[in-house]
Amino acid sequence: MAAPVVEAEASGRAASRPPARERKNAKFSVHFAHYKWLYLLLLPGVLYFAVFRYGPMYGVSIAFKDYVPFLGVNGSQWVGTQHFEDFFSNPDFPRLLGNTLILAFLNLGIAFPLTIVLALLLNEVRLSILKRTVQTLVYIPHFLSWTIVASLSFLLFALDIGPMFQFLNNLLGTNIDFLSDPAWFRPLIVLQEIWKNTGWGTIIFLAALSTVDQDQYEAAIIDGAGRFRRVWHITLPGIRSTIIVMLILAIGQMLNTGFEQIYLMTNALNRDVADVFDTYVYFVGITQGAYSYSTAVGLFKSLVGLVLIFGTNWLAKRFNQSGLF
């Protein structure tokens, strides 16, 4: 008789227990009520991405259509992958891909490591007022628009009258027009990128450096390790995960060389090396009205960036490093 009673009590408890879905909803309600202000702070970011990132994805479908503004997105004829085929068979494609990749690898190979180096140098400064002053000076260029940066470049390298034009030509014994010479276009772009964004990029690395255990430095000093040894064996391993995450993000943005900077520095004499995917989309899509074709070009660039992010993250995990996700 005891067994049926136990089974009856167990079945009664099971019957009185609310379903799993209700328990989950109740738990979420309590969690939401407890952190409601944090969710409220999250709302502007969610709305931004919903309106300006995910909302426009509806228009990506015109990459597969012969889009006519008067007919609209739904009324335009479906052409499949025709625009992608036209783009890949276009004689401009190898040149655009080459220009974009060269600039991307230059920025990744020069500007990205310099950000880490600058953060390490700032971390070694012990005089607080000097450190804050240098940080302020290297942060300021980030807040200048590319229009101002390009204008400063024109003033410095102006033909015959620019201070840098005169100094470099006297130093090299040449008479080079740096703003028009195709060979100098990429160095100028990389220098602008370094001057404008390197200081700002140190913020994340300085935050990561502040989490490194100070006891390790004291132990290394006792063991006789010099400053370089401490940086190599303690500091860099301490921020390795941050470096990998930032590297993954940078690789994902490789093809986004920046429209405004390139557009402002492009002229008729350096266009062969200056044209990249971003400027090509503008010239073809906006000035020539090839909306579907330019959308296909932009979609191709975005898909490549997505593949690069997942590929780099997979490699990081394969080598037992912390990835982005």
Protein backbone atom coordinates (compact mmCIF):
# COMPACT_ATOMS: atom_id res chain seq x y z
CA MET A 1 0.00 0.00 0.00
CA ALA A 2 2.95 2.34 0.58
CA ALA A 3 4.10 2.31 -3.04
CA PRO A 4 0.77 3.53 -4.48
CA VAL A 5 0.64 6.30 -1.85
CA VAL A 6 4.16 7.49 -2.75
CA GLU A 7 3.34 7.40 -6.45
CA ALA A 8 0.15 9.33 -5.82
CA GLU A 9 2.02 12.01 -3.85
CA ALA A 10 4.70 12.28 -6.57
CA SER A 11 2.10 12.58 -9.29
CA GLY A 12 0.29 15.21 -7.22
CA ARG A 13 3.47 17.27 -6.84
CA ALA A 14 4.17 16.92 -10.56
CA ALA A 15 0.63 18.01 -11.37
CA SER A 16 0.89 21.04 -9.05
CA ARG A 17 4.29 22.09 -10.46
CA PRO A 18 3.92 24.73 -13.23
CA PRO A 19 5.08 23.78 -16.73
CA ALA A 20 8.72 24.36 -17.69
CA ARG A 21 7.77 27.24 -20.02
CA GLU A 22 5.92 29.05 -17.23
CA ARG A 23 8.83 28.57 -14.83
CA LYS A 24 11.22 29.95 -17.43
CA ASN A 25 9.00 32.96 -18.07
CA ALA A 26 8.68 33.64 -14.35
CA LYS A 27 12.45 33.43 -13.93
CA PHE A 28 12.99 35.84 -16.81
CA SER A 29 10.42 38.26 -15.35
CA VAL A 30 12.27 38.33 -12.03
CA HIS A 31 15.60 38.76 -13.85
CA PHE A 32 14.21 41.56 -16.03
CA ALA A 33 12.70 43.39 -13.04
CA HIS A 34 16.02 43.20 -11.21
CA TYR A 35 18.11 44.50 -14.14
CA LYS A 36 15.49 46.73 -15.81
CA TRP A 37 17.74 49.81 -15.87
CA LEU A 38 20.53 47.90 -17.59
CA TYR A 39 18.07 46.74 -20.24
CA LEU A 40 16.93 50.34 -20.61
CA LEU A 41 20.53 51.40 -21.26
CA LEU A 42 20.77 48.61 -23.84
CA LEU A 43 17.70 49.85 -25.73
CA PRO A 44 19.36 52.71 -27.73
CA GLY A 45 22.03 50.36 -29.05
CA VAL A 46 19.44 47.75 -30.03
CA LEU A 47 17.34 50.39 -31.80
CA TYR A 48 20.39 51.72 -33.63
CA PHE A 49 21.31 48.31 -35.00
CA ALA A 50 17.69 47.47 -35.81
CA VAL A 51 17.08 50.69 -37.75
CA PHE A 52 20.43 51.37 -39.39
CA ARG A 53 21.95 47.88 -39.70
CA TYR A 54 19.25 45.25 -40.00
CA GLY A 55 16.50 47.41 -41.50
CA PRO A 56 18.42 48.31 -44.69
CA MET A 57 19.10 44.60 -45.33
CA TYR A 58 15.72 44.49 -47.05
CA GLY A 59 17.22 46.49 -49.89
CA VAL A 60 20.04 43.99 -50.41
CA SER A 61 17.65 41.99 -52.57
CA ILE A 62 18.13 44.48 -55.42
CA ALA A 63 21.58 42.91 -55.93
CA PHE A 64 19.66 40.03 -57.53
CA LYS A 65 17.26 42.23 -59.49
CA ASP A 66 17.36 44.73 -62.33
CA TYR A 67 16.27 47.51 -60.01
CA VAL A 68 14.23 50.35 -61.49
CA PRO A 69 13.28 53.10 -59.00
CA PHE A 70 9.88 53.63 -60.63
CA LEU A 71 8.98 49.94 -60.25
CA GLY A 72 10.30 49.59 -56.71
CA VAL A 73 12.07 46.66 -55.11
CA ASN A 74 9.22 44.20 -55.47
CA GLY A 75 8.32 45.25 -59.00
CA SER A 76 11.82 45.02 -60.48
CA GLN A 77 12.78 42.01 -62.58
CA TRP A 78 14.69 39.15 -60.94
CA VAL A 79 18.05 38.51 -62.67
CA GLY A 80 19.73 36.17 -60.18
CA THR A 81 23.51 36.37 -60.01
CA GLN A 82 23.93 38.32 -63.24
CA HIS A 83 25.38 41.41 -61.51
CA PHE A 84 27.92 39.31 -59.63
CA GLU A 85 28.99 37.62 -62.86
CA ASP A 86 29.33 41.00 -64.57
CA PHE A 87 31.44 42.28 -61.69
CA PHE A 88 33.80 39.30 -61.58
CA SER A 89 34.27 39.44 -65.35
CA ASN A 90 34.81 43.21 -65.32
CA PRO A 91 38.41 44.23 -66.18
CA ASP A 92 38.33 46.58 -63.19
CA PHE A 93 37.82 43.72 -60.70
CA PRO A 94 41.50 42.60 -60.41
CA ARG A 95 42.64 46.21 -60.03
CA LEU A 96 40.01 47.00 -57.38
CA LEU A 97 40.75 43.81 -55.46
CA GLY A 98 44.50 44.43 -55.59
CA ASN A 99 44.24 48.07 -54.48
CA THR A 100 41.88 47.18 -51.64
CA LEU A 101 43.99 44.28 -50.36
CA ILE A 102 47.26 46.21 -50.55
CA LEU A 103 45.85 49.07 -48.47
CA ALA A 104 44.22 46.61 -46.08
CA PHE A 105 47.44 44.66 -45.47
CA LEU A 106 49.44 47.87 -45.09
CA ASN A 107 47.05 49.15 -42.43
CA LEU A 108 46.90 45.76 -40.74
CA GLY A 109 50.65 45.20 -40.83
CA ILE A 110 51.72 48.72 -39.83
CA ALA A 111 48.93 50.62 -38.09
CA PHE A 112 47.67 47.73 -35.94
CA PRO A 113 51.05 46.80 -34.39
CA LEU A 114 51.85 50.50 -33.82
CA THR A 115 48.70 50.76 -31.71
CA ILE A 116 50.01 47.98 -29.44
CA VAL A 117 53.49 49.51 -29.31
CA LEU A 118 52.10 52.93 -28.37
CA ALA A 119 49.95 51.37 -25.65
CA LEU A 120 53.01 49.56 -24.23
CA LEU A 121 55.02 52.79 -24.26
CA LEU A 122 52.26 54.72 -22.51
CA ASN A 123 51.96 51.94 -19.94
CA GLU A 124 55.66 52.35 -19.07
CA VAL A 125 55.29 56.08 -18.33
CA ARG A 126 55.28 56.49 -14.55
CA LEU A 127 54.79 60.28 -14.33
CA SER A 128 51.00 60.60 -14.23
CA ILE A 129 50.71 64.14 -15.60
CA LEU A 130 53.01 63.32 -18.52
CA LYS A 131 51.05 60.16 -19.31
CA ARG A 132 47.70 61.99 -19.31
CA THR A 133 49.11 64.78 -21.47
CA VAL A 134 50.49 62.38 -24.07
CA GLN A 135 47.23 60.42 -24.08
CA THR A 136 45.23 63.57 -24.70
CA LEU A 137 47.51 64.64 -27.55
CA VAL A 138 47.31 61.28 -29.33
CA TYR A 139 43.53 61.04 -28.84
CA ILE A 140 42.72 64.44 -30.37
CA PRO A 141 43.33 63.51 -34.07
CA HIS A 142 40.62 60.83 -33.86
CA PHE A 143 37.98 63.53 -33.44
CA LEU A 144 39.03 65.38 -36.59
CA SER A 145 37.04 64.51 -39.71
CA TRP A 146 38.75 63.03 -42.75
CA THR A 147 37.98 66.28 -44.56
CA ILE A 148 40.20 68.16 -42.11
CA VAL A 149 42.90 65.48 -42.31
CA ALA A 150 42.88 65.63 -46.12
CA SER A 151 43.00 69.46 -46.04
CA LEU A 152 46.02 69.34 -43.72
CA SER A 153 47.68 66.91 -46.11
CA PHE A 154 47.05 69.23 -49.05
CA LEU A 155 48.57 72.14 -47.12
CA LEU A 156 51.63 70.18 -46.03
CA PHE A 157 52.33 68.53 -49.39
CA ALA A 158 51.13 71.25 -51.74
CA LEU A 159 53.22 71.57 -54.90
CA ASP A 160 56.13 74.02 -54.48
CA ILE A 161 54.78 75.70 -51.34
CA GLY A 162 54.00 72.85 -48.93
CA PRO A 163 56.43 72.58 -45.97
CA MET A 164 56.68 68.80 -46.25
CA PHE A 165 56.96 69.03 -50.04
CA GLN A 166 59.98 71.31 -49.72
CA PHE A 167 61.59 69.37 -46.87
CA LEU A 168 61.28 65.90 -48.44
CA ASN A 169 62.34 67.02 -51.91
CA ASN A 170 65.37 68.84 -50.50
CA LEU A 171 66.21 65.78 -48.42
CA LEU A 172 65.77 63.32 -51.30
CA GLY A 173 67.08 65.63 -54.01
CA THR A 174 63.94 65.14 -56.13
CA ASN A 175 60.94 67.13 -57.32
CA ILE A 176 58.03 64.80 -56.56
CA ASP A 177 54.39 65.89 -56.42
CA PHE A 178 53.41 63.68 -53.50
CA LEU A 179 49.67 64.33 -53.88
CA SER A 180 49.57 63.24 -57.52
CA ASP A 181 52.29 60.61 -57.70
CA PRO A 182 50.66 57.13 -57.62
CA ALA A 183 53.71 55.72 -55.82
CA TRP A 184 53.10 58.03 -52.85
CA PHE A 185 49.34 57.55 -52.57
CA ARG A 186 49.47 54.48 -50.32
CA PRO A 187 52.18 55.82 -47.98
CA LEU A 188 50.12 58.98 -47.48
CA ILE A 189 46.99 56.96 -46.73
CA VAL A 190 48.81 54.79 -44.18
CA LEU A 191 50.42 57.83 -42.53
CA GLN A 192 47.03 59.50 -42.25
CA GLU A 193 45.55 56.36 -40.70
CA ILE A 194 48.40 56.11 -38.19
CA TRP A 195 48.20 59.78 -37.21
CA LYS A 196 44.42 59.80 -36.85
CA ASN A 197 43.52 56.47 -35.24
CA THR A 198 46.59 54.94 -33.58
CA GLY A 199 46.21 56.94 -30.37
CA TRP A 200 42.50 56.21 -30.10
CA GLY A 201 43.11 52.51 -30.62
CA THR A 202 45.30 52.36 -27.51
CA ILE A 203 42.30 52.81 -25.20
CA ILE A 204 41.29 49.14 -25.27
CA PHE A 205 44.86 47.91 -24.92
CA LEU A 206 45.55 50.27 -21.99
CA ALA A 207 42.42 48.93 -20.29
CA ALA A 208 43.70 45.39 -20.83
CA LEU A 209 47.15 46.33 -19.51
CA SER A 210 45.60 47.57 -16.27
CA THR A 211 44.39 44.03 -15.52
CA VAL A 212 47.86 42.44 -15.66
CA ASP A 213 48.92 41.14 -12.23
CA GLN A 214 51.49 43.54 -10.74
CA ASP A 215 52.92 40.81 -8.53
CA GLN A 216 54.36 39.16 -11.62
CA TYR A 217 56.35 42.31 -12.40
CA GLU A 218 57.72 42.44 -8.86
CA ALA A 219 58.75 38.79 -9.04
CA ALA A 220 60.40 39.36 -12.41
CA ILE A 221 62.35 42.35 -11.08
CA ILE A 222 63.60 40.27 -8.16
CA ASP A 223 64.71 37.59 -10.64
CA GLY A 224 66.68 40.23 -12.54
CA ALA A 225 64.42 40.61 -15.61
CA GLY A 226 64.90 43.85 -17.50
CA ARG A 227 62.13 46.02 -18.84
CA PHE A 228 62.10 44.39 -22.26
CA ARG A 229 61.97 40.91 -20.72
CA ARG A 230 59.05 41.96 -18.51
CA VAL A 231 57.15 43.28 -21.49
CA TRP A 232 57.85 40.18 -23.58
CA HIS A 233 57.14 37.53 -20.94
CA ILE A 234 54.48 39.21 -18.77
CA THR A 235 52.80 42.16 -20.47
CA LEU A 236 52.23 40.72 -23.94
CA PRO A 237 50.98 37.31 -22.70
CA GLY A 238 48.69 39.19 -20.29
CA ILE A 239 46.92 41.03 -23.10
CA ARG A 240 47.16 38.26 -25.71
CA SER A 241 43.43 37.53 -25.66
CA THR A 242 42.64 41.21 -26.25
CA ILE A 243 45.11 41.38 -29.11
CA ILE A 244 43.54 38.32 -30.75
CA VAL A 245 40.00 39.70 -30.46
CA MET A 246 41.04 43.08 -31.90
CA LEU A 247 42.97 41.32 -34.67
CA ILE A 248 39.89 39.27 -35.60
CA LEU A 249 37.80 42.44 -35.79
CA ALA A 250 40.48 44.21 -37.83
CA ILE A 251 40.72 41.33 -40.31
CA GLY A 252 36.94 41.32 -40.67
CA GLN A 253 37.13 44.99 -41.65
CA MET A 254 40.01 44.51 -44.09
CA LEU A 255 38.00 45.34 -47.20
CA ASN A 256 36.48 48.43 -45.54
CA THR A 257 39.32 50.75 -46.46
CA GLY A 258 37.15 53.80 -45.83
CA PHE A 259 35.29 55.72 -48.49
CA GLU A 260 35.77 59.28 -47.28
CA GLN A 261 39.54 59.18 -46.82
CA ILE A 262 40.19 57.51 -50.18
CA TYR A 263 37.70 59.70 -52.03
CA LEU A 264 39.22 62.93 -50.70
CA MET A 265 42.77 61.89 -51.61
CA THR A 266 41.89 60.60 -55.11
CA ASN A 267 42.59 62.62 -58.23
CA ALA A 268 42.88 61.95 -61.94
CA LEU A 269 46.61 61.16 -61.72
CA ASN A 270 46.51 58.57 -58.92
CA ARG A 271 43.13 56.97 -59.64
CA ASP A 272 44.67 53.73 -60.93
CA VAL A 273 46.01 52.91 -57.46
CA ALA A 274 43.36 54.80 -55.48
CA ASP A 275 40.19 53.04 -56.67
CA VAL A 276 38.92 50.57 -54.06
CA PHE A 277 35.59 48.81 -53.57
CA ASP A 278 34.12 51.64 -51.48
CA THR A 279 34.83 54.39 -54.00
CA TYR A 280 33.87 52.13 -56.91
CA VAL A 281 30.44 51.54 -55.36
CA TYR A 282 29.97 55.30 -55.08
CA PHE A 283 31.05 56.13 -58.63
CA VAL A 284 29.06 53.31 -60.22
CA GLY A 285 26.03 53.35 -57.94
CA ILE A 286 25.48 57.03 -57.22
CA THR A 287 27.00 58.89 -60.16
CA GLN A 288 26.02 56.34 -62.84
CA GLY A 289 22.78 55.06 -61.31
CA ALA A 290 23.73 51.34 -61.42
CA TYR A 291 22.04 50.61 -58.11
CA SER A 292 21.72 46.84 -58.46
CA TYR A 293 25.28 46.39 -59.72
CA SER A 294 26.79 48.53 -56.96
CA THR A 295 24.71 46.70 -54.34
CA ALA A 296 26.11 43.40 -55.63
CA VAL A 297 29.64 44.80 -55.21
CA GLY A 298 28.90 45.92 -51.66
CA LEU A 299 27.30 42.58 -50.80
CA PHE A 300 30.34 40.72 -52.10
CA LYS A 301 32.60 42.83 -49.91
CA SER A 302 30.42 42.21 -46.85
CA LEU A 303 30.33 38.46 -47.41
CA VAL A 304 34.12 38.34 -47.72
CA GLY A 305 34.42 40.25 -44.45
CA LEU A 306 32.04 37.79 -42.76
CA VAL A 307 34.07 34.82 -44.01
CA LEU A 308 37.29 36.45 -42.78
CA ILE A 309 35.86 36.96 -39.29
CA PHE A 310 34.67 33.36 -38.98
CA GLY A 311 37.88 32.02 -40.52
CA THR A 312 40.16 34.02 -38.24
CA ASN A 313 38.09 33.11 -35.20
CA TRP A 314 38.30 29.42 -36.18
CA LEU A 315 42.08 29.65 -36.51
CA ALA A 316 42.36 31.30 -33.11
CA LYS A 317 40.33 28.52 -31.51
CA ARG A 318 42.35 25.91 -33.42
CA PHE A 319 45.54 27.21 -31.79
CA ASN A 320 43.90 27.16 -28.32
CA GLN A 321 43.45 30.93 -28.16
CA SER A 322 40.38 32.82 -27.01
CA GLY A 323 38.38 33.89 -30.04
CA LEU A 324 35.66 36.45 -30.60
CA PHE A 325 32.84 33.96 -29.98
